[in-house]
Amino acid sequence: MGGFFLPTGAIALMPNPLIATWRLTRLSTHLLGGLLTLRWRFPGWTMARQQEEIQTWAHAALGLLAIELRVIGQPQGAGAMLRAANHVSWLDILVLQAAGPSRFVAKAEVRQWPLMGRLAANAGTLFISRESPRDALRVVHQMAEHLKAGETLTIFPEGTTSNGQQVLPFHANLFQAAVSADAPVLPTALQFVDRASGQLSLAPIYIDDDTLLQSMWRTASHPGLRAEVRFGEVQRPNGRDRRALARDARSAVEALRG
């Protein structure tokens, strides 16, 4: 991994802007290294090796931002799984990959993010245009095929990031893939807290007029965050339609967040 090294004691004495610049510089180098790995080495690895490397890489990325990861529950069982998570930040994919690798479904705009968009595309993310019902049908079909092949997929059914303090209504469309493939759904709750106080932190949120750079800067300037991921009880469709499945998954995510 590239970048330069400073002793931990020196970091603590640095003013926040310098801390943020140092962290984001190292993160950019790490992202570029990940992109090169995906392009040149990834295709030759087994699926198990790919998942192991993604998880290790995501853990390292969080470490560069001084973000500790806490996982409660199990990320998946054997075979196909649709993980349904609330959405807070641009960090969510990194956090959930570190907690347990999967293929993601993300809004088309993510593809345009500097470095991270290209990383997501090369890692097999399925991109969906929120304004196009036809595109949603295309992606649901793809999702069902991946689930039938025994893969784990992760969706953010709120459709956008929230303010980090509540769970928005879940859109039901993507749950049709689990119904069609008769695949289990795993409610997944995500939040960020200040490590020192244990209180909810809004530093990583990415909503309204926030730019990606502003959110990244707030995150990198924070002295120490903890990302908390809680996996709930697996829910099988069991005759429920997509709307009922979405409603029940959202209730489970709300309960997990307490």
Protein backbone atom coordinates (compact mmCIF):
# COMPACT_ATOMS: atom_id res chain seq x y z
CA MET A 1 0.00 0.00 0.00
CA GLY A 2 1.31 3.39 -0.97
CA GLY A 3 1.47 6.68 0.90
CA PHE A 4 3.78 7.93 3.59
CA PHE A 5 4.04 7.00 7.26
CA LEU A 6 3.70 9.10 10.38
CA PRO A 7 3.93 7.79 13.94
CA THR A 8 0.62 7.47 15.80
CA GLY A 9 1.69 10.07 18.37
CA ALA A 10 2.41 12.58 15.63
CA ILE A 11 -1.03 12.02 14.09
CA ALA A 12 -2.74 12.88 17.36
CA LEU A 13 -0.97 16.27 17.42
CA MET A 14 -1.84 17.18 13.84
CA PRO A 15 -4.62 19.74 13.20
CA ASN A 16 -7.78 18.25 11.70
CA PRO A 17 -7.29 19.59 8.14
CA LEU A 18 -3.90 17.93 7.95
CA ILE A 19 -5.29 14.69 9.38
CA ALA A 20 -8.05 14.71 6.78
CA THR A 21 -5.66 15.42 3.91
CA TRP A 22 -3.29 12.68 5.04
CA ARG A 23 -6.11 10.14 5.39
CA LEU A 24 -7.74 10.96 2.06
CA THR A 25 -4.40 10.84 0.25
CA ARG A 26 -3.73 7.37 1.59
CA LEU A 27 -7.31 6.29 0.84
CA SER A 28 -6.98 7.47 -2.77
CA THR A 29 -3.81 5.41 -3.16
CA HIS A 30 -5.60 2.42 -1.64
CA LEU A 31 -8.57 2.84 -4.00
CA LEU A 32 -6.27 3.04 -7.02
CA GLY A 33 -4.45 -0.09 -5.88
CA GLY A 34 -7.79 -1.86 -5.51
CA LEU A 35 -8.82 -0.86 -9.03
CA LEU A 36 -5.59 -2.20 -10.51
CA THR A 37 -6.03 -5.46 -8.60
CA LEU A 38 -9.58 -5.86 -9.88
CA ARG A 39 -8.48 -5.30 -13.46
CA TRP A 40 -5.34 -7.41 -13.62
CA ARG A 41 -5.41 -10.04 -10.87
CA PHE A 42 -9.06 -10.57 -9.95
CA PRO A 43 -10.13 -12.57 -13.03
CA GLY A 44 -7.62 -15.33 -12.28
CA TRP A 45 -8.78 -15.93 -8.71
CA THR A 46 -11.44 -18.31 -7.44
CA MET A 47 -14.69 -16.85 -6.07
CA ALA A 48 -13.56 -17.66 -2.50
CA ARG A 49 -10.22 -15.89 -3.06
CA GLN A 50 -11.98 -12.89 -4.58
CA GLN A 51 -14.30 -12.52 -1.59
CA GLU A 52 -11.44 -12.90 0.87
CA GLU A 53 -9.39 -10.23 -0.89
CA ILE A 54 -12.35 -7.83 -1.12
CA GLN A 55 -13.05 -8.18 2.59
CA THR A 56 -9.41 -7.63 3.53
CA TRP A 57 -9.16 -4.62 1.21
CA ALA A 58 -12.35 -3.06 2.61
CA HIS A 59 -11.12 -3.52 6.20
CA ALA A 60 -7.89 -1.75 5.27
CA ALA A 61 -9.80 1.13 3.66
CA LEU A 62 -11.81 1.68 6.85
CA GLY A 63 -8.60 1.59 8.87
CA LEU A 64 -7.12 4.39 6.77
CA LEU A 65 -10.06 6.55 7.87
CA ALA A 66 -9.71 5.51 11.53
CA ILE A 67 -13.06 3.71 11.36
CA GLU A 68 -13.49 0.69 13.60
CA LEU A 69 -15.91 -2.04 12.49
CA ARG A 70 -18.29 -3.83 14.84
CA VAL A 71 -20.42 -6.68 13.46
CA ILE A 72 -23.29 -8.24 15.37
CA GLY A 73 -24.89 -11.38 13.94
CA GLN A 74 -23.96 -13.43 10.90
CA PRO A 75 -23.61 -11.86 7.44
CA GLN A 76 -25.05 -14.82 5.54
CA GLY A 77 -25.77 -18.52 5.56
CA ALA A 78 -24.97 -21.03 2.86
CA GLY A 79 -26.32 -20.35 -0.62
CA ALA A 80 -28.25 -17.41 -2.00
CA MET A 81 -29.07 -14.38 0.13
CA LEU A 82 -30.53 -10.92 -0.40
CA ARG A 83 -29.23 -8.48 2.21
CA ALA A 84 -31.51 -5.46 2.65
CA ALA A 85 -29.75 -2.58 4.40
CA ASN A 86 -30.55 0.99 5.36
CA HIS A 87 -28.44 3.58 3.57
CA VAL A 88 -26.51 6.35 5.33
CA SER A 89 -23.32 7.19 3.48
CA TRP A 90 -20.94 6.68 0.58
CA LEU A 91 -19.09 4.51 3.11
CA ASP A 92 -21.84 1.90 3.33
CA ILE A 93 -20.53 -0.35 0.56
CA LEU A 94 -17.04 -0.39 2.11
CA VAL A 95 -18.47 -1.16 5.55
CA LEU A 96 -20.71 -3.96 4.33
CA GLN A 97 -17.96 -5.48 2.17
CA ALA A 98 -15.74 -5.56 5.24
CA ALA A 99 -18.55 -7.20 7.25
CA GLY A 100 -19.21 -9.84 4.59
CA PRO A 101 -18.55 -9.58 0.84
CA SER A 102 -21.40 -9.56 -1.66
CA ARG A 103 -22.43 -8.19 -5.03
CA PHE A 104 -24.20 -4.82 -4.68
CA VAL A 105 -27.09 -3.14 -6.44
CA ALA A 106 -26.49 0.62 -6.58
CA LYS A 107 -27.96 3.70 -8.23
CA ALA A 108 -26.45 4.56 -11.60
CA GLU A 109 -24.89 7.77 -10.23
CA VAL A 110 -22.42 5.74 -8.18
CA ARG A 111 -20.71 4.66 -11.40
CA GLN A 112 -19.64 8.31 -11.90
CA TRP A 113 -17.93 8.67 -8.50
CA PRO A 114 -14.16 9.24 -8.81
CA LEU A 115 -12.27 5.94 -8.40
CA MET A 116 -14.99 4.39 -6.21
CA GLY A 117 -17.41 4.22 -9.12
CA ARG A 118 -14.93 2.37 -11.28
CA LEU A 119 -14.09 0.08 -8.37
CA ALA A 120 -17.77 -0.74 -7.87
CA ALA A 121 -18.24 -1.46 -11.58
CA ASN A 122 -15.21 -3.74 -11.75
CA ALA A 123 -16.36 -5.59 -8.63
CA GLY A 124 -19.57 -6.60 -10.39
CA THR A 125 -22.03 -4.06 -9.00
CA LEU A 126 -25.40 -3.98 -10.74
CA PHE A 127 -26.34 -0.37 -11.51
CA ILE A 128 -29.94 0.77 -11.73
CA SER A 129 -31.47 3.96 -13.10
CA ARG A 130 -34.05 5.09 -10.55
CA GLU A 131 -36.02 7.06 -13.14
CA SER A 132 -36.59 4.09 -15.47
CA PRO A 133 -39.17 1.37 -14.64
CA ARG A 134 -37.85 -0.63 -17.59
CA ASP A 135 -34.34 -0.54 -16.16
CA ALA A 136 -35.67 -1.71 -12.79
CA LEU A 137 -37.20 -4.76 -14.50
CA ARG A 138 -33.86 -5.48 -16.18
CA VAL A 139 -31.96 -5.32 -12.89
CA VAL A 140 -34.55 -7.41 -11.02
CA HIS A 141 -34.15 -10.11 -13.67
CA GLN A 142 -30.36 -10.00 -13.29
CA MET A 143 -30.66 -10.15 -9.51
CA ALA A 144 -32.91 -13.20 -9.68
CA GLU A 145 -30.40 -14.98 -11.91
CA HIS A 146 -27.54 -14.23 -9.50
CA LEU A 147 -29.62 -15.42 -6.54
CA LYS A 148 -30.54 -18.64 -8.36
CA ALA A 149 -26.81 -19.14 -8.93
CA GLY A 150 -26.30 -19.05 -5.14
CA GLU A 151 -24.82 -15.56 -4.81
CA THR A 152 -25.24 -12.98 -2.05
CA LEU A 153 -26.62 -9.60 -3.14
CA THR A 154 -26.98 -6.40 -1.12
CA ILE A 155 -29.57 -3.72 -1.79
CA PHE A 156 -30.38 -0.33 -0.28
CA PRO A 157 -34.17 -0.36 -0.67
CA GLU A 158 -34.64 3.16 0.70
CA GLY A 159 -33.43 4.22 -2.75
CA THR A 160 -31.34 7.06 -1.33
CA THR A 161 -29.30 7.93 1.73
CA SER A 162 -31.12 8.98 4.91
CA ASN A 163 -30.10 11.44 7.62
CA GLY A 164 -28.70 8.58 9.69
CA GLN A 165 -31.36 8.95 12.37
CA GLN A 166 -34.27 7.14 10.75
CA VAL A 167 -35.06 4.42 8.23
CA LEU A 168 -36.92 5.67 5.16
CA PRO A 169 -39.70 3.59 3.54
CA PHE A 170 -38.41 0.61 1.57
CA HIS A 171 -39.20 0.46 -2.15
CA ALA A 172 -40.56 -2.98 -2.97
CA ASN A 173 -39.38 -3.43 -6.58
CA LEU A 174 -36.01 -5.07 -5.88
CA PHE A 175 -37.56 -7.54 -3.44
CA GLN A 176 -39.24 -9.17 -6.43
CA ALA A 177 -35.90 -10.84 -7.16
CA ALA A 178 -36.05 -12.69 -3.82
CA VAL A 179 -39.67 -13.69 -4.48
CA SER A 180 -38.86 -14.93 -8.00
CA ALA A 181 -35.78 -16.87 -6.84
CA ASP A 182 -37.39 -17.96 -3.55
CA ALA A 183 -34.28 -16.59 -1.85
CA PRO A 184 -34.02 -15.56 1.82
CA VAL A 185 -33.76 -11.91 2.84
CA LEU A 186 -31.36 -10.78 5.56
CA PRO A 187 -32.34 -7.49 7.29
CA THR A 188 -29.16 -5.46 7.83
CA ALA A 189 -28.88 -2.33 9.99
CA LEU A 190 -26.04 0.14 9.66
CA GLN A 191 -25.05 3.17 11.72
CA PHE A 192 -21.98 5.23 12.60
CA VAL A 193 -21.09 6.25 16.14
CA ASP A 194 -18.41 8.33 17.79
CA ARG A 195 -15.96 5.88 19.37
CA ALA A 196 -15.19 8.14 22.33
CA SER A 197 -18.78 8.91 23.35
CA GLY A 198 -20.69 6.01 21.84
CA GLN A 199 -23.21 8.51 20.46
CA LEU A 200 -24.63 8.44 16.94
CA SER A 201 -22.39 10.38 14.54
CA LEU A 202 -23.68 12.25 11.49
CA ALA A 203 -20.21 12.97 10.09
CA PRO A 204 -20.42 10.40 7.24
CA ILE A 205 -23.98 11.22 6.10
CA TYR A 206 -24.41 12.12 2.42
CA ILE A 207 -27.76 13.82 1.80
CA ASP A 208 -29.46 16.90 0.30
CA ASP A 209 -26.89 19.49 -0.84
CA ASP A 210 -23.87 17.55 0.41
CA THR A 211 -21.22 16.84 -2.18
CA LEU A 212 -19.26 13.60 -2.08
CA LEU A 213 -16.10 15.55 -1.26
CA GLN A 214 -17.77 17.37 1.67
CA SER A 215 -18.95 14.09 3.17
CA MET A 216 -15.55 12.48 2.68
CA TRP A 217 -13.84 15.49 4.27
CA ARG A 218 -16.08 15.40 7.38
CA THR A 219 -15.47 11.67 7.72
CA ALA A 220 -11.70 11.97 7.32
CA SER A 221 -11.59 14.87 9.81
CA HIS A 222 -13.33 12.91 12.55
CA PRO A 223 -10.99 11.70 15.32
CA GLY A 224 -12.48 8.21 15.41
CA LEU A 225 -15.68 6.56 14.19
CA ARG A 226 -17.14 3.11 14.65
CA ALA A 227 -19.30 1.53 11.96
CA GLU A 228 -21.85 -0.83 13.49
CA VAL A 229 -23.48 -3.52 11.36
CA ARG A 230 -26.26 -5.67 12.76
CA PHE A 231 -27.52 -8.68 10.84
CA GLY A 232 -31.01 -9.83 11.80
CA GLU A 233 -32.93 -13.06 11.41
CA VAL A 234 -33.22 -14.49 7.92
CA GLN A 235 -36.67 -14.07 6.37
CA ARG A 236 -37.89 -16.38 3.59
CA PRO A 237 -40.61 -15.19 1.21
CA ASN A 238 -43.01 -17.94 2.34
CA GLY A 239 -45.77 -16.75 0.03
CA ARG A 240 -45.34 -13.04 0.73
CA ASP A 241 -45.35 -10.68 -2.21
CA ARG A 242 -42.64 -8.08 -2.70
CA ARG A 243 -44.52 -5.36 -0.81
CA ALA A 244 -45.06 -7.50 2.28
CA LEU A 245 -41.45 -8.67 2.16
CA ALA A 246 -40.19 -5.07 1.90
CA ARG A 247 -42.43 -3.91 4.74
CA ASP A 248 -41.31 -6.72 7.05
CA ALA A 249 -37.64 -6.23 6.19
CA ARG A 250 -37.89 -2.53 7.00
CA SER A 251 -39.52 -3.27 10.36
CA ALA A 252 -36.69 -5.68 11.15
CA VAL A 253 -34.04 -3.10 10.23
CA GLU A 254 -35.73 -0.49 12.43
CA ALA A 255 -35.78 -2.95 15.33
CA LEU A 256 -32.10 -3.78 14.83
CA ARG A 257 -31.21 -0.09 15.02
CA GLY A 258 -33.11 0.17 18.30
